[in-house]
C-alpha cells in the first residue's frame, strides 16, 4: 500500500496557508482563523498554536505587541458577541 489518496499536493498546499479572516468579520466558535503561520499568535478567545481557531462567537480584531528580540508580534483576538450590547447598557445607566 503506497502512494497518496486524495488530499492536496505539496505544490498547491502553500495556497491554503495564511490568514482566513480579516478585521471586523463576524465569526462563529470553531472557525479557522489561520493555517500554518508563525506570524500570528493567539490572543483573547482564540485557541491553538499553528492553526488558530475561534473560541467563541464574535468579531475579529488584530493587535500588536512587542515580542522577543525587538520583533513585533501580531495577536488575533475575538471580541465576544454580547460585549458591545453590555457596554451600551451600562453607558445608558451611568448617564
N, C-alpha and C. Protein backbone atom coordinates (compact mmCIF):
# COMPACT_ATOMS: atom_id res chain seq x y z
N UNK A 1 0.85 -1.17 0.00
CA UNK A 1 0.00 0.00 0.00
C UNK A 1 0.89 1.23 0.00
N UNK A 2 0.92 1.90 -1.08
CA UNK A 2 1.74 3.10 -1.15
C UNK A 2 1.03 4.17 -1.94
N UNK A 3 1.62 5.32 -1.95
CA UNK A 3 1.07 6.43 -2.73
C UNK A 3 0.07 7.25 -1.94
N UNK A 4 -0.33 8.32 -2.57
CA UNK A 4 -1.28 9.23 -1.92
C UNK A 4 -2.68 8.95 -2.44
N UNK A 5 -3.63 9.17 -1.58
CA UNK A 5 -5.02 9.03 -1.99
C UNK A 5 -5.74 10.33 -1.64
N UNK A 6 -6.11 11.10 -2.64
CA UNK A 6 -6.82 12.36 -2.40
C UNK A 6 -5.94 13.38 -1.71
N UNK A 7 -6.55 14.38 -1.14
CA UNK A 7 -5.82 15.41 -0.41
C UNK A 7 -5.16 16.42 -1.33
N UNK A 8 -4.35 17.28 -0.76
CA UNK A 8 -3.66 18.33 -1.51
C UNK A 8 -2.24 17.89 -1.84
N UNK A 9 -1.77 18.29 -2.99
CA UNK A 9 -0.38 18.01 -3.30
C UNK A 9 0.49 19.07 -2.64
N UNK A 10 1.75 18.78 -2.48
CA UNK A 10 2.65 19.73 -1.84
C UNK A 10 2.84 20.98 -2.68
N UNK A 11 2.58 20.91 -3.98
CA UNK A 11 2.74 22.07 -4.85
C UNK A 11 1.68 23.12 -4.55
N UNK A 12 0.43 22.69 -4.36
CA UNK A 12 -0.67 23.63 -4.14
C UNK A 12 -0.92 23.93 -2.68
N UNK A 13 -0.24 23.26 -1.76
CA UNK A 13 -0.55 23.43 -0.35
C UNK A 13 -0.25 24.84 0.14
N UNK A 14 0.74 25.51 -0.42
CA UNK A 14 1.08 26.86 0.03
C UNK A 14 -0.06 27.84 -0.21
N UNK A 15 -0.96 27.51 -1.13
CA UNK A 15 -2.09 28.39 -1.41
C UNK A 15 -3.13 28.36 -0.29
N UNK A 16 -3.13 27.32 0.53
CA UNK A 16 -4.14 27.20 1.58
C UNK A 16 -3.68 27.79 2.91
N UNK A 17 -2.42 28.20 3.00
CA UNK A 17 -1.89 28.73 4.25
C UNK A 17 -2.21 30.21 4.40
N UNK A 18 -2.14 30.70 5.65
CA UNK A 18 -2.28 32.13 5.89
C UNK A 18 -3.52 32.48 6.68
N UNK A 19 -3.83 33.78 6.70
CA UNK A 19 -4.97 34.29 7.44
C UNK A 19 -6.24 34.04 6.63
N UNK A 20 -7.27 33.54 7.28
CA UNK A 20 -8.52 33.24 6.60
C UNK A 20 -9.60 34.28 6.86
N UNK A 21 -9.37 35.19 7.80
CA UNK A 21 -10.36 36.21 8.15
C UNK A 21 -9.69 37.58 8.16
N UNK A 22 -10.51 38.63 8.12
CA UNK A 22 -9.97 39.98 8.22
C UNK A 22 -10.59 40.67 9.43
N UNK A 23 -10.05 41.79 9.80
CA UNK A 23 -10.54 42.52 10.96
C UNK A 23 -11.96 43.00 10.77
N UNK A 24 -12.79 42.85 11.80
CA UNK A 24 -14.17 43.29 11.73
C UNK A 24 -15.14 42.22 11.29
N UNK A 25 -14.64 41.06 10.87
CA UNK A 25 -15.52 39.97 10.43
C UNK A 25 -16.18 39.30 11.62
N UNK A 26 -17.42 38.88 11.45
CA UNK A 26 -18.13 38.11 12.46
C UNK A 26 -17.80 36.64 12.23
N UNK A 27 -17.43 35.94 13.29
CA UNK A 27 -17.09 34.52 13.18
C UNK A 27 -17.86 33.73 14.24
N UNK A 28 -18.06 32.45 13.94
CA UNK A 28 -18.70 31.54 14.89
C UNK A 28 -17.61 30.77 15.62
N UNK A 29 -17.95 30.18 16.75
CA UNK A 29 -16.99 29.38 17.51
C UNK A 29 -16.52 28.20 16.66
N UNK A 30 -15.22 27.95 16.66
CA UNK A 30 -14.65 26.86 15.88
C UNK A 30 -14.20 27.24 14.48
N UNK A 31 -14.41 28.49 14.07
CA UNK A 31 -13.99 28.95 12.75
C UNK A 31 -12.47 29.00 12.68
N UNK A 32 -11.90 28.54 11.56
CA UNK A 32 -10.45 28.58 11.37
C UNK A 32 -10.05 30.01 11.04
N UNK A 33 -9.11 30.57 11.80
CA UNK A 33 -8.64 31.94 11.59
C UNK A 33 -7.36 31.98 10.77
N UNK A 34 -6.41 31.08 11.07
CA UNK A 34 -5.16 30.99 10.31
C UNK A 34 -4.78 29.54 10.13
N UNK A 35 -3.94 29.28 9.13
CA UNK A 35 -3.39 27.95 8.91
C UNK A 35 -1.88 28.07 8.76
N UNK A 36 -1.13 27.29 9.50
CA UNK A 36 0.31 27.15 9.35
C UNK A 36 1.05 28.49 9.35
N UNK A 37 0.90 29.27 10.40
CA UNK A 37 1.59 30.54 10.41
C UNK A 37 2.24 30.83 11.74
N UNK A 38 3.47 31.32 11.72
CA UNK A 38 4.10 31.74 12.96
C UNK A 38 4.12 33.26 13.07
N UNK A 39 3.51 33.96 12.11
CA UNK A 39 3.44 35.41 12.17
C UNK A 39 2.37 35.88 13.14
N UNK A 40 1.36 35.03 13.40
CA UNK A 40 0.22 35.39 14.22
C UNK A 40 0.21 34.54 15.48
N UNK A 41 -0.15 35.17 16.59
CA UNK A 41 -0.22 34.48 17.88
C UNK A 41 -1.65 34.56 18.40
N UNK A 42 -2.07 33.59 19.22
CA UNK A 42 -3.43 33.63 19.75
C UNK A 42 -3.58 34.71 20.81
N UNK A 43 -4.67 35.45 20.72
CA UNK A 43 -4.99 36.48 21.70
C UNK A 43 -6.19 36.06 22.52
N UNK A 44 -7.08 37.00 22.80
CA UNK A 44 -8.27 36.73 23.60
C UNK A 44 -9.25 35.87 22.82
N UNK A 45 -9.77 34.83 23.46
CA UNK A 45 -10.79 33.94 22.91
C UNK A 45 -10.35 33.23 21.64
N UNK A 46 -9.05 32.97 21.50
CA UNK A 46 -8.50 32.24 20.35
C UNK A 46 -7.76 31.01 20.86
N UNK A 47 -7.93 29.88 20.16
CA UNK A 47 -7.37 28.60 20.59
C UNK A 47 -6.37 28.12 19.54
N UNK A 48 -5.27 27.51 19.97
CA UNK A 48 -4.34 26.88 19.05
C UNK A 48 -2.97 27.52 19.06
N UNK A 49 -2.06 26.92 18.29
CA UNK A 49 -0.70 27.45 18.13
C UNK A 49 -0.39 27.72 16.66
N UNK A 50 -0.42 26.68 15.84
CA UNK A 50 -0.15 26.86 14.41
C UNK A 50 -1.43 27.13 13.64
N UNK A 51 -2.49 26.38 13.94
CA UNK A 51 -3.80 26.60 13.33
C UNK A 51 -4.65 27.29 14.39
N UNK A 52 -4.92 28.56 14.21
CA UNK A 52 -5.69 29.31 15.20
C UNK A 52 -7.18 29.20 14.88
N UNK A 53 -7.99 28.93 15.90
CA UNK A 53 -9.44 28.83 15.73
C UNK A 53 -10.14 29.73 16.74
N UNK A 54 -11.37 30.08 16.41
CA UNK A 54 -12.17 30.95 17.28
C UNK A 54 -12.68 30.16 18.47
N UNK A 55 -12.55 30.72 19.66
CA UNK A 55 -13.03 30.06 20.86
C UNK A 55 -14.47 30.38 21.19
N UNK A 56 -15.02 31.47 20.60
CA UNK A 56 -16.40 31.85 20.85
C UNK A 56 -16.91 32.65 19.65
N UNK A 57 -18.21 32.89 19.63
CA UNK A 57 -18.80 33.73 18.58
C UNK A 57 -18.41 35.19 18.85
N UNK A 58 -18.15 35.94 17.78
CA UNK A 58 -17.84 37.35 17.97
C UNK A 58 -17.19 37.97 16.76
N UNK A 59 -16.52 39.10 16.99
CA UNK A 59 -15.90 39.90 15.93
C UNK A 59 -14.38 39.83 16.06
N UNK A 60 -13.71 39.67 14.93
CA UNK A 60 -12.25 39.55 14.91
C UNK A 60 -11.60 40.92 14.92
N UNK A 61 -10.55 41.07 15.73
CA UNK A 61 -9.73 42.28 15.66
C UNK A 61 -8.28 41.91 15.94
N UNK A 62 -7.38 42.69 15.39
CA UNK A 62 -5.95 42.43 15.48
C UNK A 62 -5.30 43.46 16.41
N UNK A 63 -4.25 43.05 17.10
CA UNK A 63 -3.46 43.97 17.91
C UNK A 63 -2.00 43.57 17.80
N UNK A 64 -1.12 44.49 18.15
CA UNK A 64 0.32 44.22 18.07
C UNK A 64 0.95 44.44 19.43
N UNK A 65 1.98 43.68 19.71
CA UNK A 65 2.74 43.87 20.95
C UNK A 65 4.20 43.55 20.67
N UNK A 66 5.06 44.01 21.55
CA UNK A 66 6.49 43.74 21.39
C UNK A 66 6.75 42.28 21.74
N UNK A 67 7.51 41.62 20.88
CA UNK A 67 7.88 40.24 21.13
C UNK A 67 9.32 40.14 21.58
N UNK A 68 9.88 38.96 21.46
CA UNK A 68 11.28 38.76 21.83
C UNK A 68 12.20 39.36 20.76
N UNK A 69 13.34 39.78 21.17
CA UNK A 69 14.38 40.28 20.26
C UNK A 69 13.91 41.44 19.41
N UNK A 70 13.16 42.37 20.01
CA UNK A 70 12.71 43.60 19.35
C UNK A 70 11.79 43.35 18.16
N UNK A 71 11.18 42.19 18.07
CA UNK A 71 10.25 41.91 16.99
C UNK A 71 8.83 42.22 17.46
N UNK A 72 8.02 42.75 16.56
CA UNK A 72 6.61 42.97 16.88
C UNK A 72 5.84 41.70 16.54
N UNK A 73 4.85 41.37 17.36
CA UNK A 73 4.04 40.18 17.18
C UNK A 73 2.60 40.62 16.97
N UNK A 74 1.91 40.02 15.99
CA UNK A 74 0.50 40.31 15.74
C UNK A 74 -0.35 39.30 16.46
N UNK A 75 -1.27 39.79 17.28
CA UNK A 75 -2.20 38.93 18.01
C UNK A 75 -3.56 38.97 17.32
N UNK A 76 -4.20 37.83 17.22
CA UNK A 76 -5.56 37.76 16.70
C UNK A 76 -6.48 37.56 17.89
N UNK A 77 -7.45 38.45 18.04
CA UNK A 77 -8.37 38.43 19.17
C UNK A 77 -9.80 38.35 18.67
N UNK A 78 -10.69 37.93 19.55
CA UNK A 78 -12.11 37.92 19.23
C UNK A 78 -12.87 38.65 20.33
N UNK A 79 -13.63 39.64 19.92
CA UNK A 79 -14.49 40.38 20.85
C UNK A 79 -15.82 39.61 20.90
N UNK A 80 -16.20 39.08 22.08
CA UNK A 80 -17.43 38.29 22.17
C UNK A 80 -18.66 39.07 21.70
N UNK A 81 -19.65 38.34 21.22
CA UNK A 81 -20.83 38.94 20.60
C UNK A 81 -21.62 39.83 21.55
N UNK A 82 -21.82 39.43 22.78
CA UNK A 82 -22.64 40.19 23.71
C UNK A 82 -21.93 41.35 24.37
N UNK A 83 -20.64 41.56 24.12
CA UNK A 83 -19.87 42.58 24.83
C UNK A 83 -20.30 43.99 24.47
N UNK A 84 -20.57 44.26 23.19
CA UNK A 84 -20.96 45.61 22.77
C UNK A 84 -22.30 45.99 23.39
N UNK A 85 -23.25 45.05 23.38
CA UNK A 85 -24.56 45.33 23.95
C UNK A 85 -24.45 45.63 25.44
N UNK A 86 -23.60 44.89 26.14
CA UNK A 86 -23.43 45.11 27.58
C UNK A 86 -22.82 46.49 27.84
N UNK A 87 -21.86 46.93 27.01
CA UNK A 87 -21.24 48.24 27.20
C UNK A 87 -22.26 49.37 26.97
N UNK A 88 -23.13 49.21 25.97
CA UNK A 88 -24.13 50.24 25.68
C UNK A 88 -25.12 50.38 26.83
N UNK A 89 -25.53 49.25 27.40
CA UNK A 89 -26.48 49.27 28.51
C UNK A 89 -25.90 49.96 29.73
N UNK A 90 -24.64 49.68 30.04
CA UNK A 90 -24.01 50.31 31.21
C UNK A 90 -23.77 51.79 30.98
N UNK A 91 -23.49 52.18 29.75
CA UNK A 91 -23.29 53.60 29.44
C UNK A 91 -24.60 54.38 29.62
N UNK A 92 -25.72 53.78 29.25
CA UNK A 92 -27.02 54.45 29.40
C UNK A 92 -27.38 54.61 30.88
N UNK A 93 -27.08 53.59 31.68
CA UNK A 93 -27.40 53.65 33.10
C UNK A 93 -26.58 54.73 33.81
N UNK A 94 -25.33 54.92 33.38
CA UNK A 94 -24.45 55.90 34.02
C UNK A 94 -24.88 57.33 33.71
N UNK A 95 -25.50 57.52 32.54
CA UNK A 95 -25.90 58.88 32.12
C UNK A 95 -27.12 59.39 32.79
